[in-house]
Amino acid sequence: MSELFRRYGTGLTLAMLTAVAVWVLAMVVLPYFVMVENSFHPNLPVTQMGGPNDHYTLENYAALFRGVDIAAWEFPDDFRVFLRTIWGASLVTFICLVVCYPVAFYLAKVAPPERTAFLLLILVIPFWINEILRTFSWYIVLAYSGPLNVALKSLGLIDAPVRWLSGSAGVLIGMTYAFLLFMMFPLYNALESLDRNQIEAARDLGAPTWRIHWRIVLPHAKPGVAVGCIMVFVLAASSYVVPALLGSPGTRWFTETIYQWFFEAQNWPRGSAYAFILLGLCVAFILLMMRLFRVGLTEIAK
């Protein structure tokens, strides 16, 4: 803080801090405060708000778990969608990690600088297009008579077209593509700082490739892996566009359920409660990754 005052002066620094404080309060704190307040109230007509029936309650939070019977393996629809979202976001995170790790290692430690810059540009260019347009392009590719089925059938790999958009396959493919770079760049930044001499020394001592990665590369890349997993999981769990366009009624995402409670059922307290349950899930995942990879906020911030 003192460095800001020294560099920019008292007036300009106070103006910048005031602008940031107003933005945080207006765009983050106040909307969340309103949602928190809504989530602890019953869904009442406007004429009854503030009346005797308007009281604080945990009903909206408990509604997600009502009817859950683990012993009988019975789950209500909303809870089933919640579990599907956890599983789907975790699977997307794992797929992105498996796909991006070898590519990030190649770009950071194998490819010459000129080729690395060119390949990174090639990876980034498609993401200059709006997310909705990119998702619609996948809708066309994965359609029943789309290019993917035509190509697979012409190669003799399938006998009949596959309905990619009638299950979870389309959602997983679309999300993996949408969030690849959020795994790629943290991994690349972490691996770029690895001293190549450590890899060469391990190789000279006879260590196989898998052991070099397990004992040297991955421990060094832990902050990048943690950041990539956190970003991909949070973005996948909170995504609405991809599951809405590439999914089906049987593969509904939890964000779609929140949308339905807000705008179709007009039940803002229930939608607010579900939104904060999703937020709690994301926070829990962040803490889990920090504990699993044994990294702190300082290492993640790097």
C-alpha atoms as a PDB file:
ATOM      1  CA  MET A   1       0.000   0.000   0.000  1.00  0.00           C
ATOM      2  CA  SER A   2       2.799   2.420   0.884  1.00  0.00           C
ATOM      3  CA  GLU A   3       4.392   1.671  -2.483  1.00  0.00           C
ATOM      4  CA  LEU A   4       1.194   2.823  -4.231  1.00  0.00           C
ATOM      5  CA  PHE A   5       1.174   6.113  -2.319  1.00  0.00           C
ATOM      6  CA  ARG A   6       4.853   6.650  -3.072  1.00  0.00           C
ATOM      7  CA  ARG A   7       4.520   5.924  -6.785  1.00  0.00           C
ATOM      8  CA  TYR A   8       1.227   7.603  -7.656  1.00  0.00           C
ATOM      9  CA  GLY A   9       0.733  10.152  -4.888  1.00  0.00           C
ATOM     10  CA  THR A  10      -2.012  10.467  -2.310  1.00  0.00           C
ATOM     11  CA  GLY A  11      -4.763  11.836  -4.556  1.00  0.00           C
ATOM     12  CA  LEU A  12      -4.475   9.333  -7.406  1.00  0.00           C
ATOM     13  CA  THR A  13      -4.011   6.377  -5.049  1.00  0.00           C
ATOM     14  CA  LEU A  14      -7.117   7.291  -3.053  1.00  0.00           C
ATOM     15  CA  ALA A  15      -9.083   7.692  -6.290  1.00  0.00           C
ATOM     16  CA  MET A  16      -7.997   4.226  -7.494  1.00  0.00           C
ATOM     17  CA  LEU A  17      -8.776   2.603  -4.133  1.00  0.00           C
ATOM     18  CA  THR A  18     -12.173   4.293  -4.049  1.00  0.00           C
ATOM     19  CA  ALA A  19     -12.999   3.067  -7.563  1.00  0.00           C
ATOM     20  CA  VAL A  20     -11.990  -0.485  -6.667  1.00  0.00           C
ATOM     21  CA  ALA A  21     -13.991  -0.391  -3.415  1.00  0.00           C
ATOM     22  CA  VAL A  22     -17.105   0.913  -5.195  1.00  0.00           C
ATOM     23  CA  TRP A  23     -16.791  -1.750  -7.904  1.00  0.00           C
ATOM     24  CA  VAL A  24     -16.368  -4.566  -5.375  1.00  0.00           C
ATOM     25  CA  LEU A  25     -19.275  -3.357  -3.255  1.00  0.00           C
ATOM     26  CA  ALA A  26     -21.637  -2.698  -6.170  1.00  0.00           C
ATOM     27  CA  MET A  27     -20.785  -5.717  -8.344  1.00  0.00           C
ATOM     28  CA  VAL A  28     -19.838  -8.391  -5.789  1.00  0.00           C
ATOM     29  CA  VAL A  29     -20.787  -7.718  -2.183  1.00  0.00           C
ATOM     30  CA  LEU A  30     -24.278  -6.204  -2.562  1.00  0.00           C
ATOM     31  CA  PRO A  31     -25.637  -8.763  -5.103  1.00  0.00           C
ATOM     32  CA  TYR A  32     -24.360 -11.619  -2.948  1.00  0.00           C
ATOM     33  CA  PHE A  33     -25.809 -10.014   0.157  1.00  0.00           C
ATOM     34  CA  VAL A  34     -29.232  -9.767  -1.513  1.00  0.00           C
ATOM     35  CA  MET A  35     -29.038 -13.419  -2.575  1.00  0.00           C
ATOM     36  CA  VAL A  36     -28.010 -14.509   0.927  1.00  0.00           C
ATOM     37  CA  GLU A  37     -30.946 -12.600   2.375  1.00  0.00           C
ATOM     38  CA  ASN A  38     -33.345 -14.161  -0.149  1.00  0.00           C
ATOM     39  CA  SER A  39     -32.096 -17.681   0.466  1.00  0.00           C
ATOM     40  CA  PHE A  40     -33.218 -17.636   4.117  1.00  0.00           C
ATOM     41  CA  HIS A  41     -36.798 -16.536   3.397  1.00  0.00           C
ATOM     42  CA  PRO A  42     -39.804 -18.543   2.182  1.00  0.00           C
ATOM     43  CA  ASN A  43     -41.151 -17.928  -1.286  1.00  0.00           C
ATOM     44  CA  LEU A  44     -44.053 -15.552  -0.699  1.00  0.00           C
ATOM     45  CA  PRO A  45     -46.150 -13.189  -2.836  1.00  0.00           C
ATOM     46  CA  VAL A  46     -45.053  -9.576  -2.756  1.00  0.00           C
ATOM     47  CA  THR A  47     -48.057  -8.632  -0.631  1.00  0.00           C
ATOM     48  CA  GLN A  48     -46.952 -11.038   2.141  1.00  0.00           C
ATOM     49  CA  MET A  49     -43.276 -10.054   2.256  1.00  0.00           C
ATOM     50  CA  GLY A  50     -42.432  -8.542   5.616  1.00  0.00           C
ATOM     51  CA  GLY A  51     -45.629  -9.961   7.134  1.00  0.00           C
ATOM     52  CA  PRO A  52     -46.118 -12.648   9.782  1.00  0.00           C
ATOM     53  CA  ASN A  53     -45.431 -15.445   7.294  1.00  0.00           C
ATOM     54  CA  ASP A  54     -42.087 -13.931   6.297  1.00  0.00           C
ATOM     55  CA  HIS A  55     -39.434 -15.379   8.585  1.00  0.00           C
ATOM     56  CA  TYR A  56     -35.925 -16.788   8.446  1.00  0.00           C
ATOM     57  CA  THR A  57     -35.745 -20.471   7.565  1.00  0.00           C
ATOM     58  CA  LEU A  58     -33.342 -23.138   6.294  1.00  0.00           C
ATOM     59  CA  GLU A  59     -36.087 -24.742   4.225  1.00  0.00           C
ATOM     60  CA  ASN A  60     -34.593 -23.706   0.887  1.00  0.00           C
ATOM     61  CA  TYR A  61     -31.260 -25.343   1.719  1.00  0.00           C
ATOM     62  CA  ALA A  62     -32.820 -28.467   3.195  1.00  0.00           C
ATOM     63  CA  ALA A  63     -35.034 -28.892   0.116  1.00  0.00           C
ATOM     64  CA  LEU A  64     -32.095 -30.158  -1.942  1.00  0.00           C
ATOM     65  CA  PHE A  65     -31.466 -33.050   0.460  1.00  0.00           C
ATOM     66  CA  ARG A  66     -35.057 -33.912   1.330  1.00  0.00           C
ATOM     67  CA  GLY A  67     -35.973 -37.421   0.223  1.00  0.00           C
ATOM     68  CA  VAL A  68     -32.374 -38.629  -0.047  1.00  0.00           C
ATOM     69  CA  ASP A  69     -32.130 -42.271   1.031  1.00  0.00           C
ATOM     70  CA  ILE A  70     -28.612 -43.568   0.512  1.00  0.00           C
ATOM     71  CA  ALA A  71     -29.455 -47.047   1.823  1.00  0.00           C
ATOM     72  CA  ALA A  72     -32.239 -47.460  -0.722  1.00  0.00           C
ATOM     73  CA  TRP A  73     -30.263 -45.552  -3.367  1.00  0.00           C
ATOM     74  CA  GLU A  74     -33.120 -43.111  -3.833  1.00  0.00           C
ATOM     75  CA  PHE A  75     -32.431 -39.483  -4.695  1.00  0.00           C
ATOM     76  CA  PRO A  76     -34.816 -36.651  -5.649  1.00  0.00           C
ATOM     77  CA  ASP A  77     -34.362 -35.046  -9.050  1.00  0.00           C
ATOM     78  CA  ASP A  78     -32.528 -31.923  -7.885  1.00  0.00           C
ATOM     79  CA  PHE A  79     -30.074 -33.903  -5.764  1.00  0.00           C
ATOM     80  CA  ARG A  80     -29.475 -36.324  -8.636  1.00  0.00           C
ATOM     81  CA  VAL A  81     -28.637 -33.349 -10.881  1.00  0.00           C
ATOM     82  CA  PHE A  82     -26.311 -32.011  -8.164  1.00  0.00           C
ATOM     83  CA  LEU A  83     -24.423 -35.328  -8.030  1.00  0.00           C
ATOM     84  CA  ARG A  84     -24.268 -35.449 -11.823  1.00  0.00           C
ATOM     85  CA  THR A  85     -22.734 -31.971 -11.853  1.00  0.00           C
ATOM     86  CA  ILE A  86     -20.058 -32.973  -9.318  1.00  0.00           C
ATOM     87  CA  TRP A  87     -19.214 -36.103 -11.293  1.00  0.00           C
ATOM     88  CA  GLY A  88     -19.249 -34.330 -14.669  1.00  0.00           C
ATOM     89  CA  ALA A  89     -17.112 -31.402 -13.517  1.00  0.00           C
ATOM     90  CA  SER A  90     -14.616 -33.797 -11.910  1.00  0.00           C
ATOM     91  CA  LEU A  91     -14.449 -35.885 -15.091  1.00  0.00           C
ATOM     92  CA  VAL A  92     -13.915 -32.785 -17.253  1.00  0.00           C
ATOM     93  CA  THR A  93     -11.119 -31.684 -14.904  1.00  0.00           C
ATOM     94  CA  PHE A  94      -9.426 -35.086 -15.128  1.00  0.00           C
ATOM     95  CA  ILE A  95      -9.707 -35.212 -18.939  1.00  0.00           C
ATOM     96  CA  CYS A  96      -8.263 -31.700 -19.269  1.00  0.00           C
ATOM     97  CA  LEU A  97      -5.341 -32.626 -17.002  1.00  0.00           C
ATOM     98  CA  VAL A  98      -4.574 -35.808 -18.954  1.00  0.00           C
ATOM     99  CA  VAL A  99      -4.789 -34.001 -22.303  1.00  0.00           C
ATOM    100  CA  CYS A 100      -2.922 -30.838 -21.306  1.00  0.00           C
ATOM    101  CA  TYR A 101      -0.037 -32.245 -19.272  1.00  0.00           C
ATOM    102  CA  PRO A 102       1.941 -33.803 -22.169  1.00  0.00           C
ATOM    103  CA  VAL A 103       1.207 -30.804 -24.399  1.00  0.00           C
ATOM    104  CA  ALA A 104       2.297 -28.344 -21.710  1.00  0.00           C
ATOM    105  CA  PHE A 105       5.477 -30.338 -21.058  1.00  0.00           C
ATOM    106  CA  TYR A 106       6.283 -30.409 -24.768  1.00  0.00           C
ATOM    107  CA  LEU A 107       5.748 -26.672 -25.110  1.00  0.00           C
ATOM    108  CA  ALA A 108       7.733 -25.824 -21.973  1.00  0.00           C
ATOM    109  CA  LYS A 109      10.685 -28.218 -22.209  1.00  0.00           C
ATOM    110  CA  VAL A 110      10.901 -29.860 -25.636  1.00  0.00           C
ATOM    111  CA  ALA A 111       9.785 -27.470 -28.391  1.00  0.00           C
ATOM    112  CA  PRO A 112      12.122 -24.632 -29.456  1.00  0.00           C
ATOM    113  CA  PRO A 113      10.952 -21.121 -28.462  1.00  0.00           C
ATOM    114  CA  GLU A 114       9.793 -20.182 -31.983  1.00  0.00           C
ATOM    115  CA  ARG A 115       7.629 -23.281 -32.294  1.00  0.00           C
ATOM    116  CA  THR A 116       6.276 -22.814 -28.762  1.00  0.00           C
ATOM    117  CA  ALA A 117       5.131 -19.282 -29.537  1.00  0.00           C
ATOM    118  CA  PHE A 118       3.468 -20.425 -32.773  1.00  0.00           C
ATOM    119  CA  LEU A 119       1.690 -23.369 -31.116  1.00  0.00           C
ATOM    120  CA  LEU A 120       0.455 -21.223 -28.241  1.00  0.00           C
ATOM    121  CA  LEU A 121      -0.960 -18.763 -30.757  1.00  0.00           C
ATOM    122  CA  ILE A 122      -2.713 -21.608 -32.580  1.00  0.00           C
ATOM    123  CA  LEU A 123      -4.235 -22.737 -29.280  1.00  0.00           C
ATOM    124  CA  VAL A 124      -5.437 -19.251 -28.367  1.00  0.00           C
ATOM    125  CA  ILE A 125      -6.911 -18.123 -31.713  1.00  0.00           C
ATOM    126  CA  PRO A 126     -10.117 -20.264 -31.519  1.00  0.00           C
ATOM    127  CA  PHE A 127     -10.912 -18.697 -28.159  1.00  0.00           C
ATOM    128  CA  TRP A 128     -11.125 -15.243 -29.709  1.00  0.00           C
ATOM    129  CA  ILE A 129     -14.602 -16.334 -30.820  1.00  0.00           C
ATOM    130  CA  ASN A 130     -17.541 -15.973 -28.445  1.00  0.00           C
ATOM    131  CA  GLU A 131     -18.225 -19.007 -26.249  1.00  0.00           C
ATOM    132  CA  ILE A 132     -21.794 -19.344 -27.517  1.00  0.00           C
ATOM    133  CA  LEU A 133     -20.619 -19.485 -31.142  1.00  0.00           C
ATOM    134  CA  ARG A 134     -17.972 -22.086 -30.261  1.00  0.00           C
ATOM    135  CA  THR A 135     -20.584 -24.165 -28.465  1.00  0.00           C
ATOM    136  CA  PHE A 136     -22.956 -23.911 -31.439  1.00  0.00           C
ATOM    137  CA  SER A 137     -20.135 -25.126 -33.697  1.00  0.00           C
ATOM    138  CA  TRP A 138     -19.830 -28.230 -31.517  1.00  0.00           C
ATOM    139  CA  TYR A 139     -23.609 -28.640 -31.751  1.00  0.00           C
ATOM    140  CA  ILE A 140     -23.233 -28.816 -35.533  1.00  0.00           C
ATOM    141  CA  VAL A 141     -20.233 -31.161 -35.367  1.00  0.00           C
ATOM    142  CA  LEU A 142     -21.947 -33.555 -32.930  1.00  0.00           C
ATOM    143  CA  ALA A 143     -25.353 -33.517 -34.629  1.00  0.00           C
ATOM    144  CA  TYR A 144     -26.907 -36.812 -35.725  1.00  0.00           C
ATOM    145  CA  SER A 145     -26.086 -36.050 -39.367  1.00  0.00           C
ATOM    146  CA  GLY A 146     -23.103 -33.881 -38.499  1.00  0.00           C
ATOM    147  CA  PRO A 147     -19.510 -34.038 -39.757  1.00  0.00           C
ATOM    148  CA  LEU A 148     -18.286 -36.291 -36.915  1.00  0.00           C
ATOM    149  CA  ASN A 149     -20.776 -39.080 -37.619  1.00  0.00           C
ATOM    150  CA  VAL A 150     -20.203 -38.744 -41.351  1.00  0.00           C
ATOM    151  CA  ALA A 151     -16.421 -39.058 -40.885  1.00  0.00           C
ATOM    152  CA  LEU A 152     -16.662 -42.015 -38.487  1.00  0.00           C
ATOM    153  CA  LYS A 153     -19.093 -43.825 -40.771  1.00  0.00           C
ATOM    154  CA  SER A 154     -16.959 -43.237 -43.855  1.00  0.00           C
ATOM    155  CA  LEU A 155     -13.958 -44.693 -42.008  1.00  0.00           C
ATOM    156  CA  GLY A 156     -15.975 -47.757 -41.064  1.00  0.00           C
ATOM    157  CA  LEU A 157     -15.667 -47.115 -37.325  1.00  0.00           C
ATOM    158  CA  ILE A 158     -19.441 -47.050 -36.767  1.00  0.00           C
ATOM    159  CA  ASP A 159     -22.349 -48.723 -38.568  1.00  0.00           C
ATOM    160  CA  ALA A 160     -24.994 -46.146 -37.626  1.00  0.00           C
ATOM    161  CA  PRO A 161     -24.786 -42.510 -36.542  1.00  0.00           C
ATOM    162  CA  VAL A 162     -24.247 -41.923 -32.836  1.00  0.00           C
ATOM    163  CA  ARG A 163     -26.568 -39.606 -30.926  1.00  0.00           C
ATOM    164  CA  TRP A 164     -23.859 -37.592 -29.199  1.00  0.00           C
ATOM    165  CA  LEU A 165     -26.321 -34.943 -28.017  1.00  0.00           C
ATOM    166  CA  SER A 166     -28.767 -37.315 -26.306  1.00  0.00           C
ATOM    167  CA  GLY A 167     -26.458 -38.136 -23.377  1.00  0.00           C
ATOM    168  CA  SER A 168     -23.537 -36.721 -21.438  1.00  0.00           C
ATOM    169  CA  ALA A 169     -20.977 -37.230 -24.220  1.00  0.00           C
ATOM    170  CA  GLY A 170     -21.736 -33.937 -25.968  1.00  0.00           C
ATOM    171  CA  VAL A 171     -21.578 -31.960 -22.710  1.00  0.00           C
ATOM    172  CA  LEU A 172     -18.256 -33.537 -21.714  1.00  0.00           C
ATOM    173  CA  ILE A 173     -16.731 -32.917 -25.140  1.00  0.00           C
ATOM    174  CA  GLY A 174     -17.933 -29.319 -25.247  1.00  0.00           C
ATOM    175  CA  MET A 175     -16.748 -28.531 -21.723  1.00  0.00           C
ATOM    176  CA  THR A 176     -13.358 -30.160 -22.231  1.00  0.00           C
ATOM    177  CA  TYR A 177     -12.817 -28.034 -25.308  1.00  0.00           C
ATOM    178  CA  ALA A 178     -14.146 -24.877 -23.634  1.00  0.00           C
ATOM    179  CA  PHE A 179     -11.862 -25.088 -20.590  1.00  0.00           C
ATOM    180  CA  LEU A 180      -8.679 -26.652 -21.980  1.00  0.00           C
ATOM    181  CA  LEU A 181      -6.685 -23.429 -21.889  1.00  0.00           C
ATOM    182  CA  PHE A 182      -7.534 -22.882 -18.225  1.00  0.00           C
ATOM    183  CA  MET A 183      -5.605 -26.063 -17.524  1.00  0.00           C
ATOM    184  CA  MET A 184      -2.948 -25.534 -20.185  1.00  0.00           C
ATOM    185  CA  PHE A 185      -1.522 -22.169 -19.148  1.00  0.00           C
ATOM    186  CA  PRO A 186      -1.109 -22.867 -15.390  1.00  0.00           C
ATOM    187  CA  LEU A 187       0.674 -26.115 -16.265  1.00  0.00           C
ATOM    188  CA  TYR A 188       2.841 -24.394 -18.869  1.00  0.00           C
ATOM    189  CA  ASN A 189       3.795 -21.581 -16.484  1.00  0.00           C
ATOM    190  CA  ALA A 190       4.733 -24.063 -13.761  1.00  0.00           C
ATOM    191  CA  LEU A 191       6.747 -26.339 -16.057  1.00  0.00           C
ATOM    192  CA  GLU A 192       8.552 -23.459 -17.751  1.00  0.00           C
ATOM    193  CA  SER A 193      10.422 -22.656 -14.527  1.00  0.00           C
ATOM    194  CA  LEU A 194      11.686 -26.229 -14.128  1.00  0.00           C
ATOM    195  CA  ASP A 195      15.460 -26.498 -14.556  1.00  0.00           C
ATOM    196  CA  ARG A 196      16.113 -28.743 -17.546  1.00  0.00           C
ATOM    197  CA  ASN A 197      19.342 -29.937 -15.890  1.00  0.00           C
ATOM    198  CA  GLN A 198      17.303 -31.840 -13.296  1.00  0.00           C
ATOM    199  CA  ILE A 199      15.656 -33.869 -16.049  1.00  0.00           C
ATOM    200  CA  GLU A 200      18.982 -34.497 -17.783  1.00  0.00           C
ATOM    201  CA  ALA A 201      20.622 -35.547 -14.523  1.00  0.00           C
ATOM    202  CA  ALA A 202      17.836 -38.026 -13.770  1.00  0.00           C
ATOM    203  CA  ARG A 203      18.035 -39.392 -17.285  1.00  0.00           C
ATOM    204  CA  ASP A 204      21.843 -39.773 -17.030  1.00  0.00           C
ATOM    205  CA  LEU A 205      21.386 -41.723 -13.782  1.00  0.00           C
ATOM    206  CA  GLY A 206      19.175 -44.210 -15.617  1.00  0.00           C
ATOM    207  CA  ALA A 207      15.722 -43.100 -14.432  1.00  0.00           C
ATOM    208  CA  PRO A 208      12.936 -44.123 -16.836  1.00  0.00           C
ATOM    209  CA  THR A 209      10.689 -41.461 -18.300  1.00  0.00           C
ATOM    210  CA  TRP A 210       7.715 -42.238 -16.065  1.00  0.00           C
ATOM    211  CA  ARG A 211       9.870 -41.935 -12.928  1.00  0.00           C
ATOM    212  CA  ILE A 212      11.326 -38.620 -14.094  1.00  0.00           C
ATOM    213  CA  HIS A 213       7.835 -37.219 -14.445  1.00  0.00           C
ATOM    214  CA  TRP A 214       6.603 -38.755 -11.181  1.00  0.00           C
ATOM    215  CA  ARG A 215       9.566 -37.725  -9.016  1.00  0.00           C
ATOM    216  CA  ILE A 216      10.757 -34.484 -10.644  1.00  0.00           C
ATOM    217  CA  VAL A 217       8.332 -32.901 -13.095  1.00  0.00           C
ATOM    218  CA  LEU A 218       5.004 -33.414 -11.304  1.00  0.00           C
ATOM    219  CA  PRO A 219       6.230 -32.281  -7.844  1.00  0.00           C
ATOM    220  CA  HIS A 220       7.567 -29.104  -9.453  1.00  0.00           C
ATOM    221  CA  ALA A 221       4.291 -28.582 -11.333  1.00  0.00           C
ATOM    222  CA  LYS A 222       2.040 -29.039  -8.271  1.00  0.00           C
ATOM    223  CA  PRO A 223       0.975 -25.366  -8.085  1.00  0.00           C
ATOM    224  CA  GLY A 224       0.125 -25.379 -11.795  1.00  0.00           C
ATOM    225  CA  VAL A 225      -1.832 -28.624 -11.475  1.00  0.00           C
ATOM    226  CA  ALA A 226      -3.722 -27.269  -8.472  1.00  0.00           C
ATOM    227  CA  VAL A 227      -4.585 -23.974 -10.202  1.00  0.00           C
ATOM    228  CA  GLY A 228      -5.614 -25.736 -13.417  1.00  0.00           C
ATOM    229  CA  CYS A 229      -7.838 -28.222 -11.600  1.00  0.00           C
ATOM    230  CA  ILE A 230      -9.439 -25.459  -9.532  1.00  0.00           C
ATOM    231  CA  MET A 231     -10.165 -23.255 -12.533  1.00  0.00           C
ATOM    232  CA  VAL A 232     -11.515 -26.053 -14.731  1.00  0.00           C
ATOM    233  CA  PHE A 233     -13.694 -27.581 -12.006  1.00  0.00           C
ATOM    234  CA  VAL A 234     -15.181 -24.250 -10.909  1.00  0.00           C
ATOM    235  CA  LEU A 235     -15.872 -23.168 -14.481  1.00  0.00           C
ATOM    236  CA  ALA A 236     -17.326 -26.556 -15.440  1.00  0.00           C
ATOM    237  CA  ALA A 237     -19.546 -26.812 -12.350  1.00  0.00           C
ATOM    238  CA  SER A 238     -20.865 -23.272 -12.881  1.00  0.00           C
ATOM    239  CA  SER A 239     -21.227 -23.501 -16.663  1.00  0.00           C
ATOM    240  CA  TYR A 240     -24.669 -22.915 -18.154  1.00  0.00           C
ATOM    241  CA  VAL A 241     -24.213 -22.378 -21.890  1.00  0.00           C
ATOM    242  CA  VAL A 242     -22.514 -25.696 -22.723  1.00  0.00           C
ATOM    243  CA  PRO A 243     -24.943 -28.060 -20.928  1.00  0.00           C
ATOM    244  CA  ALA A 244     -27.925 -26.004 -22.090  1.00  0.00           C
ATOM    245  CA  LEU A 245     -26.909 -26.267 -25.763  1.00  0.00           C
ATOM    246  CA  LEU A 246     -25.204 -29.679 -25.908  1.00  0.00           C
ATOM    247  CA  GLY A 247     -27.128 -31.543 -23.232  1.00  0.00           C
ATOM    248  CA  SER A 248     -30.523 -33.210 -23.076  1.00  0.00           C
ATOM    249  CA  PRO A 249     -33.305 -33.218 -20.458  1.00  0.00           C
ATOM    250  CA  GLY A 250     -31.804 -36.359 -18.955  1.00  0.00           C
ATOM    251  CA  THR A 251     -28.377 -34.753 -18.536  1.00  0.00           C
ATOM    252  CA  ARG A 252     -29.443 -31.476 -16.956  1.00  0.00           C
ATOM    253  CA  TRP A 253     -26.713 -29.534 -15.109  1.00  0.00           C
ATOM    254  CA  PHE A 254     -27.185 -27.978 -11.663  1.00  0.00           C
ATOM    255  CA  THR A 255     -26.868 -24.482 -13.135  1.00  0.00           C
ATOM    256  CA  GLU A 256     -29.891 -25.249 -15.308  1.00  0.00           C
ATOM    257  CA  THR A 257     -31.810 -26.266 -12.189  1.00  0.00           C
ATOM    258  CA  ILE A 258     -30.856 -22.946 -10.553  1.00  0.00           C
ATOM    259  CA  TYR A 259     -32.017 -21.102 -13.676  1.00  0.00           C
ATOM    260  CA  GLN A 260     -35.346 -22.941 -13.602  1.00  0.00           C
ATOM    261  CA  TRP A 261     -35.968 -22.064  -9.963  1.00  0.00           C
ATOM    262  CA  PHE A 262     -35.125 -18.417 -10.614  1.00  0.00           C
ATOM    263  CA  PHE A 263     -36.887 -17.696 -13.907  1.00  0.00           C
ATOM    264  CA  GLU A 264     -39.386 -20.491 -14.571  1.00  0.00           C
ATOM    265  CA  ALA A 265     -40.651 -21.278 -11.088  1.00  0.00           C
ATOM    266  CA  GLN A 266     -40.114 -17.650  -9.975  1.00  0.00           C
ATOM    267  CA  ASN A 267     -38.788 -19.029  -6.692  1.00  0.00           C
ATOM    268  CA  TRP A 268     -35.869 -16.708  -6.006  1.00  0.00           C
ATOM    269  CA  PRO A 269     -35.252 -17.919  -2.426  1.00  0.00           C
ATOM    270  CA  ARG A 270     -34.843 -21.530  -3.610  1.00  0.00           C
ATOM    271  CA  GLY A 271     -32.662 -20.459  -6.542  1.00  0.00           C
ATOM    272  CA  SER A 272     -30.499 -18.329  -4.229  1.00  0.00           C
ATOM    273  CA  ALA A 273     -30.051 -21.228  -1.802  1.00  0.00           C
ATOM    274  CA  TYR A 274     -29.084 -23.603  -4.613  1.00  0.00           C
ATOM    275  CA  ALA A 275     -26.635 -21.025  -5.982  1.00  0.00           C
ATOM    276  CA  PHE A 276     -24.897 -20.809  -2.608  1.00  0.00           C
ATOM    277  CA  ILE A 277     -24.800 -24.587  -2.304  1.00  0.00           C
ATOM    278  CA  LEU A 278     -22.983 -24.625  -5.648  1.00  0.00           C
ATOM    279  CA  LEU A 279     -20.657 -21.897  -4.373  1.00  0.00           C
ATOM    280  CA  GLY A 280     -19.957 -23.984  -1.267  1.00  0.00           C
ATOM    281  CA  LEU A 281     -19.132 -26.962  -3.502  1.00  0.00           C
ATOM    282  CA  CYS A 282     -16.598 -24.875  -5.442  1.00  0.00           C
ATOM    283  CA  VAL A 283     -14.998 -23.539  -2.252  1.00  0.00           C
ATOM    284  CA  ALA A 284     -14.769 -27.078  -0.849  1.00  0.00           C
ATOM    285  CA  PHE A 285     -13.078 -28.259  -4.043  1.00  0.00           C
ATOM    286  CA  ILE A 286     -10.546 -25.397  -3.838  1.00  0.00           C
ATOM    287  CA  LEU A 287      -9.670 -26.335  -0.248  1.00  0.00           C
ATOM    288  CA  LEU A 288      -9.433 -30.008  -1.248  1.00  0.00           C
ATOM    289  CA  MET A 289      -6.981 -29.247  -4.056  1.00  0.00           C
ATOM    290  CA  MET A 290      -4.865 -27.079  -1.756  1.00  0.00           C
ATOM    291  CA  ARG A 291      -4.768 -29.890   0.796  1.00  0.00           C
ATOM    292  CA  LEU A 292      -4.218 -32.656  -1.757  1.00  0.00           C
ATOM    293  CA  PHE A 293      -1.316 -30.924  -3.523  1.00  0.00           C
ATOM    294  CA  ARG A 294      -0.075 -29.307  -0.299  1.00  0.00           C
ATOM    295  CA  VAL A 295       0.091 -25.827  -1.766  1.00  0.00           C
ATOM    296  CA  GLY A 296      -0.849 -22.525  -0.212  1.00  0.00           C
ATOM    297  CA  LEU A 297      -2.443 -19.399  -1.606  1.00  0.00           C
ATOM    298  CA  THR A 298       1.006 -17.865  -2.141  1.00  0.00           C
ATOM    299  CA  GLU A 299       2.122 -20.732  -4.387  1.00  0.00           C
ATOM    300  CA  ILE A 300      -1.170 -20.721  -6.289  1.00  0.00           C
ATOM    301  CA  ALA A 301      -0.939 -16.967  -6.841  1.00  0.00           C
ATOM    302  CA  LYS A 302       2.406 -17.396  -8.598  1.00  0.00           C
END
